[in-house]
Protein backbone atom coordinates (compact mmCIF):
# COMPACT_ATOMS: atom_id res chain seq x y z
CA UNK A 1 192.89 62.39 217.32
CA UNK A 2 193.22 60.18 214.49
CA UNK A 3 189.51 59.53 214.53
CA UNK A 4 188.89 63.17 214.57
CA UNK A 5 191.15 63.92 211.75
CA UNK A 6 189.61 61.31 209.67
CA UNK A 7 185.89 62.72 210.40
CA UNK A 8 187.10 66.23 209.19
CA UNK A 9 188.40 64.77 206.05
CA UNK A 10 185.13 63.21 205.28
CA UNK A 11 183.21 66.13 205.82
CA UNK A 12 185.42 68.22 203.59
CA UNK A 13 185.08 65.75 200.70
CA UNK A 14 181.40 65.49 201.32
CA UNK A 15 180.98 69.27 201.10
CA UNK A 16 183.10 69.32 197.76
CA UNK A 17 181.06 66.66 196.26
CA UNK A 18 177.92 68.80 197.11
CA UNK A 19 179.15 71.95 195.74
CA UNK A 20 180.12 70.26 192.46
CA UNK A 21 176.69 68.66 192.13
CA UNK A 22 175.07 71.95 192.67
CA UNK A 23 177.42 73.60 189.94
CA UNK A 24 176.70 70.62 187.50
CA UNK A 25 172.97 71.19 188.06
CA UNK A 26 173.14 75.13 187.25
CA UNK A 27 175.14 74.49 184.21
CA UNK A 28 172.62 71.87 182.86
CA UNK A 29 169.81 74.35 183.51
CA UNK A 30 171.51 77.33 181.76
CA UNK A 31 172.45 74.97 178.87
CA UNK A 32 168.77 73.75 178.48
CA UNK A 33 167.45 77.33 178.55
CA UNK A 34 170.04 78.55 175.93
CA UNK A 35 169.10 75.54 173.73
CA UNK A 36 165.44 76.48 173.88
CA UNK A 37 166.22 79.88 173.05
CA UNK A 38 168.23 79.06 170.22
CA UNK A 39 165.60 76.60 168.90
CA UNK A 40 162.66 79.34 169.45
CA UNK A 41 164.35 82.71 169.08
CA UNK A 42 160.82 84.60 168.66
CA UNK A 43 159.03 82.93 171.58
CA UNK A 44 159.58 86.05 173.75
CA UNK A 45 158.95 88.66 170.88
CA UNK A 46 155.71 86.71 169.47
CA UNK A 47 153.35 84.76 171.57
CA UNK A 48 149.68 84.03 171.81
CA UNK A 49 147.46 83.57 174.94
CA UNK A 50 143.70 83.11 175.29
CA UNK A 51 142.64 85.28 178.49
CA UNK A 52 138.82 84.97 179.04
CA UNK A 53 138.30 83.39 175.47
CA UNK A 54 140.06 86.09 173.52
CA UNK A 55 142.46 85.31 170.88
CA UNK A 56 145.61 87.76 171.53
CA UNK A 57 148.89 87.98 169.70
CA UNK A 58 151.42 89.73 171.59
CA UNK A 59 154.17 91.52 169.51
CA UNK A 60 156.95 93.83 170.50
CA UNK A 61 157.50 97.05 168.97
CA UNK A 62 160.52 95.95 167.00
CA UNK A 63 158.70 92.86 165.50
CA UNK A 64 155.51 95.22 164.49
CA UNK A 65 157.67 97.56 162.53
CA UNK A 66 159.85 94.61 160.89
CA UNK A 67 156.16 92.97 160.03
CA UNK A 68 154.84 95.99 158.66
CA UNK A 69 151.98 96.25 161.16
CA UNK A 70 150.13 99.44 160.81
CA UNK A 71 147.20 100.68 163.12
CA UNK A 72 144.63 103.66 162.98
CA UNK A 73 142.18 105.05 165.23
CA UNK A 74 138.53 104.40 164.81
CA UNK A 75 136.58 107.45 163.61
CA UNK A 76 133.09 108.41 165.02
CA UNK A 77 130.17 108.49 162.24
CA UNK A 78 126.39 109.09 162.32
CA UNK A 79 124.16 106.47 161.04
CA UNK A 80 120.62 105.65 160.38
CA UNK A 81 118.94 102.31 160.29
CA UNK A 82 118.70 100.76 157.03
CA UNK A 83 116.22 98.77 155.18
CA UNK A 84 117.92 95.91 153.08
CA UNK A 85 116.47 95.51 149.70
CA UNK A 86 117.76 93.63 146.52
CA UNK A 87 118.84 95.29 143.08
CA UNK A 88 120.20 94.51 139.47
CA UNK A 89 122.50 96.57 137.40
CA UNK A 90 120.30 97.06 134.37
CA UNK A 91 121.02 96.33 130.70
CA UNK A 92 120.31 99.57 128.73
CA UNK A 93 120.14 98.22 125.08
CA UNK A 94 116.36 98.45 125.43
CA UNK A 95 116.54 102.03 126.26
CA UNK A 96 119.08 102.45 123.46
CA UNK A 97 116.61 100.72 121.09
CA UNK A 98 113.69 103.00 122.22
CA UNK A 99 115.74 105.91 121.48
CA UNK A 100 116.52 104.83 117.93
CA UNK A 101 112.75 103.95 117.25
CA UNK A 102 111.90 107.46 118.44
CA UNK A 103 114.47 109.02 116.06
CA UNK A 104 113.15 107.08 113.20
CA UNK A 105 109.49 108.13 114.18
CA UNK A 106 110.26 111.79 114.56
CA UNK A 107 111.91 111.62 111.14
CA UNK A 108 109.15 110.00 109.67
CA UNK A 109 106.74 112.44 111.34
CA UNK A 110 108.61 115.49 109.84
CA UNK A 111 108.25 113.95 106.39
CA UNK A 112 104.54 113.36 106.94
CA UNK A 113 103.96 116.90 108.20
CA UNK A 114 105.98 118.34 105.07
CA UNK A 115 103.73 116.07 102.99
CA UNK A 116 100.60 117.33 104.52
CA UNK A 117 101.60 120.84 104.29
CA UNK A 118 102.24 120.46 100.61
CA UNK A 119 98.90 118.65 100.04
CA UNK A 120 97.20 121.56 101.64
CA UNK A 121 98.80 123.90 99.54
CA UNK A 122 98.01 122.06 96.48
CA UNK A 123 94.24 121.80 97.46
CA UNK A 124 94.10 125.51 98.03
CA UNK A 125 95.77 126.05 94.71
CA UNK A 126 93.30 123.87 93.00
CA UNK A 127 90.54 125.76 94.56
CA UNK A 128 91.83 129.03 93.61
CA UNK A 129 92.15 127.78 89.95
CA UNK A 130 88.60 126.22 90.21
CA UNK A 131 87.15 129.40 91.36
CA UNK A 132 88.67 131.50 88.48
CA UNK A 133 87.79 129.19 85.75
CA UNK A 134 84.39 128.93 87.13
CA UNK A 135 84.06 132.83 86.90
CA UNK A 136 85.63 132.74 83.47
CA UNK A 137 82.92 129.90 82.21
CA UNK A 138 79.90 131.99 83.59
CA UNK A 139 81.00 135.18 81.87
CA UNK A 140 81.68 133.45 78.57
CA UNK A 141 78.17 131.74 78.81
CA UNK A 142 76.45 134.98 79.47
CA UNK A 143 78.23 136.59 76.62
CA UNK A 144 77.31 133.72 74.31
CA UNK A 145 73.66 133.63 75.49
CA UNK A 146 73.12 137.26 75.03
CA UNK A 147 74.09 138.34 71.61
CA UNK A 148 76.66 135.68 70.53
CA UNK A 149 79.46 137.83 71.70
CA UNK A 150 81.85 134.79 71.85
CA UNK A 151 81.68 131.82 69.82
CA UNK A 152 80.55 128.40 70.88
CA UNK A 153 84.23 127.20 70.65
CA UNK A 154 85.40 129.65 73.21
CA UNK A 155 82.52 128.76 75.39
CA UNK A 156 83.56 124.94 75.05
CA UNK A 157 87.19 125.85 75.81
CA UNK A 158 86.07 127.70 79.01
CA UNK A 159 83.99 125.04 80.07
CA UNK A 160 86.65 122.38 79.69
CA UNK A 161 89.12 124.39 81.92
CA UNK A 162 86.50 124.65 84.49
CA UNK A 163 85.66 120.87 84.27
CA UNK A 164 89.42 120.15 84.66
CA UNK A 165 90.04 122.46 87.64
CA UNK A 166 86.85 120.65 89.20
CA UNK A 167 88.73 117.38 88.87
CA UNK A 168 92.11 118.81 90.17
CA UNK A 169 90.31 120.15 93.24
CA UNK A 170 88.75 116.64 93.95
CA UNK A 171 92.25 114.94 93.44
CA UNK A 172 93.97 117.64 95.55
CA UNK A 173 91.10 116.98 98.39
CA UNK A 174 91.63 113.41 98.27
CA UNK A 175 95.41 113.66 98.58
CA UNK A 176 95.15 116.23 101.70
CA UNK A 177 92.69 113.77 103.35
CA UNK A 178 95.44 110.89 102.74
CA UNK A 179 98.31 112.98 104.13
CA UNK A 180 96.08 114.10 107.19
CA UNK A 181 95.30 110.39 107.81
CA UNK A 182 99.01 109.42 107.45
CA UNK A 183 100.02 112.41 109.57
CA UNK A 184 97.46 111.30 112.29
CA UNK A 185 98.85 107.70 112.24
CA UNK A 186 102.58 108.92 112.69
CA UNK A 187 101.50 110.99 115.56
CA UNK A 188 99.46 108.14 117.10
CA UNK A 189 102.62 105.79 116.66
CA UNK A 190 104.68 108.53 118.53
CA UNK A 191 102.18 108.64 121.30
CA UNK A 192 102.00 104.79 121.65
CA UNK A 193 105.78 104.88 121.66
CA UNK A 194 105.88 107.09 124.63
CA UNK A 195 103.07 105.42 126.50
CA UNK A 196 105.09 102.14 126.28
CA UNK A 197 108.26 103.72 127.49
CA UNK A 198 106.28 105.19 130.39
CA UNK A 199 104.70 102.01 131.36
CA UNK A 200 108.07 100.43 131.36
CA UNK A 201 110.46 103.01 132.58
CA UNK A 202 108.23 105.69 134.31
CA UNK A 203 107.85 109.31 133.68
CA UNK A 204 111.55 110.41 134.51
CA UNK A 205 113.23 107.99 132.32
CA UNK A 206 110.49 108.75 129.61
CA UNK A 207 111.44 112.40 129.66
CA UNK A 208 115.23 111.54 129.56
CA UNK A 209 114.60 109.54 126.47
CA UNK A 210 112.36 111.74 124.73
CA UNK A 211 114.21 114.89 125.52
CA UNK A 212 117.76 113.33 125.03
CA UNK A 213 118.83 114.92 128.33
CA UNK A 214 122.33 115.01 129.70
CA UNK A 215 121.45 112.39 132.31
CA UNK A 216 120.28 110.02 129.39
CA UNK A 217 123.44 110.61 127.39
CA UNK A 218 125.58 109.70 130.41
CA UNK A 219 123.57 106.39 130.78
CA UNK A 220 124.19 105.43 127.01
CA UNK A 221 127.62 106.79 127.15
CA UNK A 222 128.35 104.28 130.08
CA UNK A 223 129.35 107.04 132.40
CA UNK A 224 126.48 106.09 134.85
CA UNK A 225 124.85 102.98 135.48
CA UNK A 226 121.15 102.48 136.17
CA UNK A 227 119.88 99.88 138.81
CA UNK A 228 116.30 98.58 139.72
CA UNK A 229 116.25 98.21 143.48
CA UNK A 230 113.21 96.26 144.75
CA UNK A 231 111.95 95.80 148.33
CA UNK A 232 110.88 92.61 149.93
CA UNK A 233 107.29 92.03 149.15
CA UNK A 234 106.05 92.57 152.47
CA UNK A 235 107.55 95.91 152.78
CA UNK A 236 105.65 99.06 151.95
CA UNK A 237 107.12 102.56 152.07
CA UNK A 238 105.47 105.85 151.19
CA UNK A 239 108.73 107.33 149.46
CA UNK A 240 112.18 106.00 148.74
CA UNK A 241 115.24 107.76 150.19
CA UNK A 242 117.15 110.08 147.91
CA UNK A 243 120.61 108.45 148.40
CA UNK A 244 121.18 104.44 149.05
CA UNK A 245 124.35 102.39 149.41
CA UNK A 246 124.61 99.50 147.09
CA UNK A 247 126.99 96.49 147.65
CA UNK A 248 127.92 93.52 145.40
CA UNK A 249 128.71 89.98 146.68
CA UNK A 250 132.42 90.59 145.99
CA UNK A 251 132.21 93.69 148.45
CA UNK A 252 132.28 96.61 145.80
CA UNK A 253 130.23 99.48 146.99
CA UNK A 254 128.68 102.77 145.73
CA UNK A 255 126.15 105.35 146.34
CA UNK A 256 123.28 105.24 144.34
CA UNK A 257 120.86 108.38 143.58
CA UNK A 258 117.02 108.04 143.32
CA UNK A 259 115.84 108.58 139.87
CA UNK A 260 112.03 107.62 140.15
CA UNK A 261 109.64 104.70 141.17
CA UNK A 262 109.69 101.85 138.70
CA UNK A 263 106.26 101.01 137.24
CA UNK A 264 107.17 97.51 136.99
CA UNK A 265 108.57 95.10 139.71
CA UNK A 266 111.40 92.45 139.72
CA UNK A 267 109.40 89.09 138.86
CA UNK A 268 111.78 87.32 141.28
CA UNK A 269 110.91 89.43 144.34
CA UNK A 270 107.51 91.21 143.65
CA UNK A 271 108.13 94.00 145.82
CA UNK A 272 107.83 97.95 145.46
CA UNK A 273 110.83 98.79 142.82
CA UNK A 274 112.70 102.10 142.15
CA UNK A 275 115.15 103.19 139.78
CA UNK A 276 118.76 104.65 141.16
CA UNK A 277 121.61 105.69 139.17
CA UNK A 278 125.36 105.71 140.23
CA UNK A 279 128.39 106.58 138.34
CA UNK A 280 129.96 103.64 136.52
CA UNK A 281 132.78 101.76 138.28
CA UNK A 282 134.39 98.43 138.49
CA UNK A 283 132.72 95.72 140.29
CA UNK A 284 129.15 96.77 138.71
CA UNK A 285 128.92 95.04 135.40
CA UNK A 286 125.53 94.90 133.64
CA UNK A 287 123.34 91.97 134.99
CA UNK A 288 125.13 92.18 138.41
CA UNK A 289 122.79 91.39 141.47
CA UNK A 290 123.42 93.80 144.50
CA UNK A 291 122.18 94.34 147.85
CA UNK A 292 120.73 97.83 148.44
CA UNK A 293 120.67 99.60 152.00
CA UNK A 294 117.99 102.11 152.41
CA UNK A 295 118.39 104.40 155.20
CA UNK A 296 115.01 104.77 156.89
CA UNK A 297 115.21 105.05 160.69
CA UNK A 298 116.75 107.77 163.15
CA UNK A 299 120.33 108.64 163.08
CA UNK A 300 122.59 106.93 165.81
CA UNK A 301 126.32 107.33 166.62
CA UNK A 302 129.10 104.80 166.45
CA UNK A 303 132.27 104.09 164.81
CA UNK A 304 133.33 103.08 161.13
CA UNK A 305 135.30 99.90 160.63
CA UNK A 306 137.38 100.55 157.67
CA UNK A 307 137.54 98.17 154.66
CA UNK A 308 141.18 98.29 155.00
CA UNK A 309 140.87 96.79 158.60
CA UNK A 310 138.28 94.10 157.90
CA UNK A 311 139.52 90.47 157.49
CA UNK A 312 137.44 87.67 156.21
CA UNK A 313 137.87 84.21 157.64
CA UNK A 314 135.60 81.28 157.99
CA UNK A 315 132.71 83.15 156.58
CA UNK A 316 132.96 85.93 159.36
CA UNK A 317 134.51 89.41 159.30
CA UNK A 318 137.16 90.08 161.95
CA UNK A 319 139.61 92.85 162.89
CA UNK A 320 142.57 92.93 165.03
CA UNK A 321 142.42 95.60 168.06
CA UNK A 322 145.52 96.96 169.54
CA UNK A 323 145.63 96.85 173.31
CA UNK A 324 148.48 98.46 175.26
CA UNK A 325 150.81 98.95 172.39
CA UNK A 326 152.06 95.19 171.93
CA UNK A 327 148.83 93.06 172.25
CA UNK A 328 146.45 92.46 169.26
CA UNK A 329 142.96 91.06 170.00
CA UNK A 330 140.87 89.52 167.14
CA UNK A 331 137.47 90.71 167.26
CA UNK A 332 134.38 89.74 165.07
CA UNK A 333 132.83 92.46 163.46
CA UNK A 334 128.88 92.60 162.98
CA UNK A 335 128.25 93.31 159.36
CA UNK A 336 124.48 94.06 159.49
CA UNK A 337 125.00 97.58 158.91
CA UNK A 338 127.55 98.17 156.09
CA UNK A 339 128.47 101.81 154.96
CA UNK A 340 130.67 103.14 152.29
CA UNK A 341 134.09 102.13 152.83
CA UNK A 342 133.31 99.83 155.55
CA UNK A 343 130.93 98.89 158.40
CA UNK A 344 129.10 100.73 161.19
CA UNK A 345 129.38 99.41 164.61
CA UNK A 346 127.53 100.84 167.60
CA UNK A 347 128.56 98.52 170.33
CA UNK A 348 131.69 97.06 171.73
CA UNK A 349 133.91 99.76 170.19
CA UNK A 350 134.43 103.67 170.58
CA UNK A 351 136.20 106.23 168.72
CA UNK A 352 139.87 106.35 169.20
CA UNK A 353 140.08 102.49 169.63
CA UNK A 354 143.05 101.42 167.24
CA UNK A 355 142.70 98.61 164.72
CA UNK A 356 145.11 97.11 162.39
CA UNK A 357 144.61 98.61 158.80
CA UNK A 358 147.78 96.93 157.35
CA UNK A 359 149.01 93.54 158.22
CA UNK A 360 145.78 91.99 159.76
CA UNK A 361 146.35 88.80 157.57
CA UNK A 362 149.87 88.48 159.03
CA UNK A 363 148.66 88.53 162.39
CA UNK A 364 146.03 85.89 161.76
CA UNK A 365 148.65 83.48 160.24
CA UNK A 366 151.07 84.31 163.06
CA UNK A 367 148.28 83.75 165.63
CA UNK A 368 147.33 80.14 164.43
CA UNK A 369 151.18 79.41 163.92
CA UNK A 370 151.83 80.35 167.46
CA UNK A 371 148.84 78.21 168.67
CA UNK A 372 150.04 75.12 166.84
CA UNK A 373 153.57 75.34 168.15
CA UNK A 374 151.77 75.54 171.68
CA UNK A 375 149.82 72.65 171.19
CA UNK A 376 152.80 70.65 169.94
CA UNK A 377 154.88 71.92 172.99
CA UNK A 378 151.99 70.68 175.43
CA UNK A 379 152.01 67.41 173.58
CA UNK A 380 155.84 66.95 173.93
CA UNK A 381 155.48 67.67 177.56
């Protein structure tokens, strides 16, 4: 009996010790999880995973709102295949100087024409006077030779007037010829200037300069800017498109409209050249080199990646796509087809897909911060 009682006591003590050990283990696990949550409070709200090689940042709705993340659906657009060319924003001082020279030549030409008209009038007046004095002298001479009806002195006076008028006619004739030659030289100078302008700037810009059109006024008032766009030397086209997209290295874009073919090429490129004009805007200073995109092919459908969504990193362009509401995937944007306000993408995305248009830089920072934390935790384990 005593032995049985002792065995029961031993079993009871063992059971109590076991229960106590289990309770201590559960307590220590709860304490460790609590400590980890206190140390990394955002671990559940923000995390990065790499499924199938994708970079995915997961943010719950509350964190998205707190972080200012804004998304927008992609819009469908049509696009024509484009030919890439090179261009420069032209300095217009040469055109301004040409216009000033033209004004001076025209003013001089007016003076020459007035002088020529005056010389012609003077010559005609001298001829009329000569005709009158010649007739008077002939009459006096006849009277003198017939019956001495006039004195010799009167005859000599008539002859003097006639001889004087002859001299005046010759002088006025020389003046008229000189004025005519000067007028011809002035007109030739004007023609030479027009030919020079045409050789440098083409017929359309020459007309703008010579007629002082509103298009020319907008150029010299810096309301518009003039670009020279040059194709690669191996490219030949029958006609240039009426409207093109131009983009600077800094990302500024503008739509430019065709003026005319250029009679001269860019010596750096040696290809076909065209003049285009676009409203003045920041990002396009005189002398700036630009890239031009000339629509040449058939239209195709795709989506527009807006500039507000594009993120530049390590020499590439990225966007963050929203998946399921809480996941954001970093996706590389092909930039071979820039359009106004963004990029055209035909494959990989569809209209309605949501991209981050505000807060993309924050997502990139969070992605790499979480990746770094993950690597540190793996190293600690």
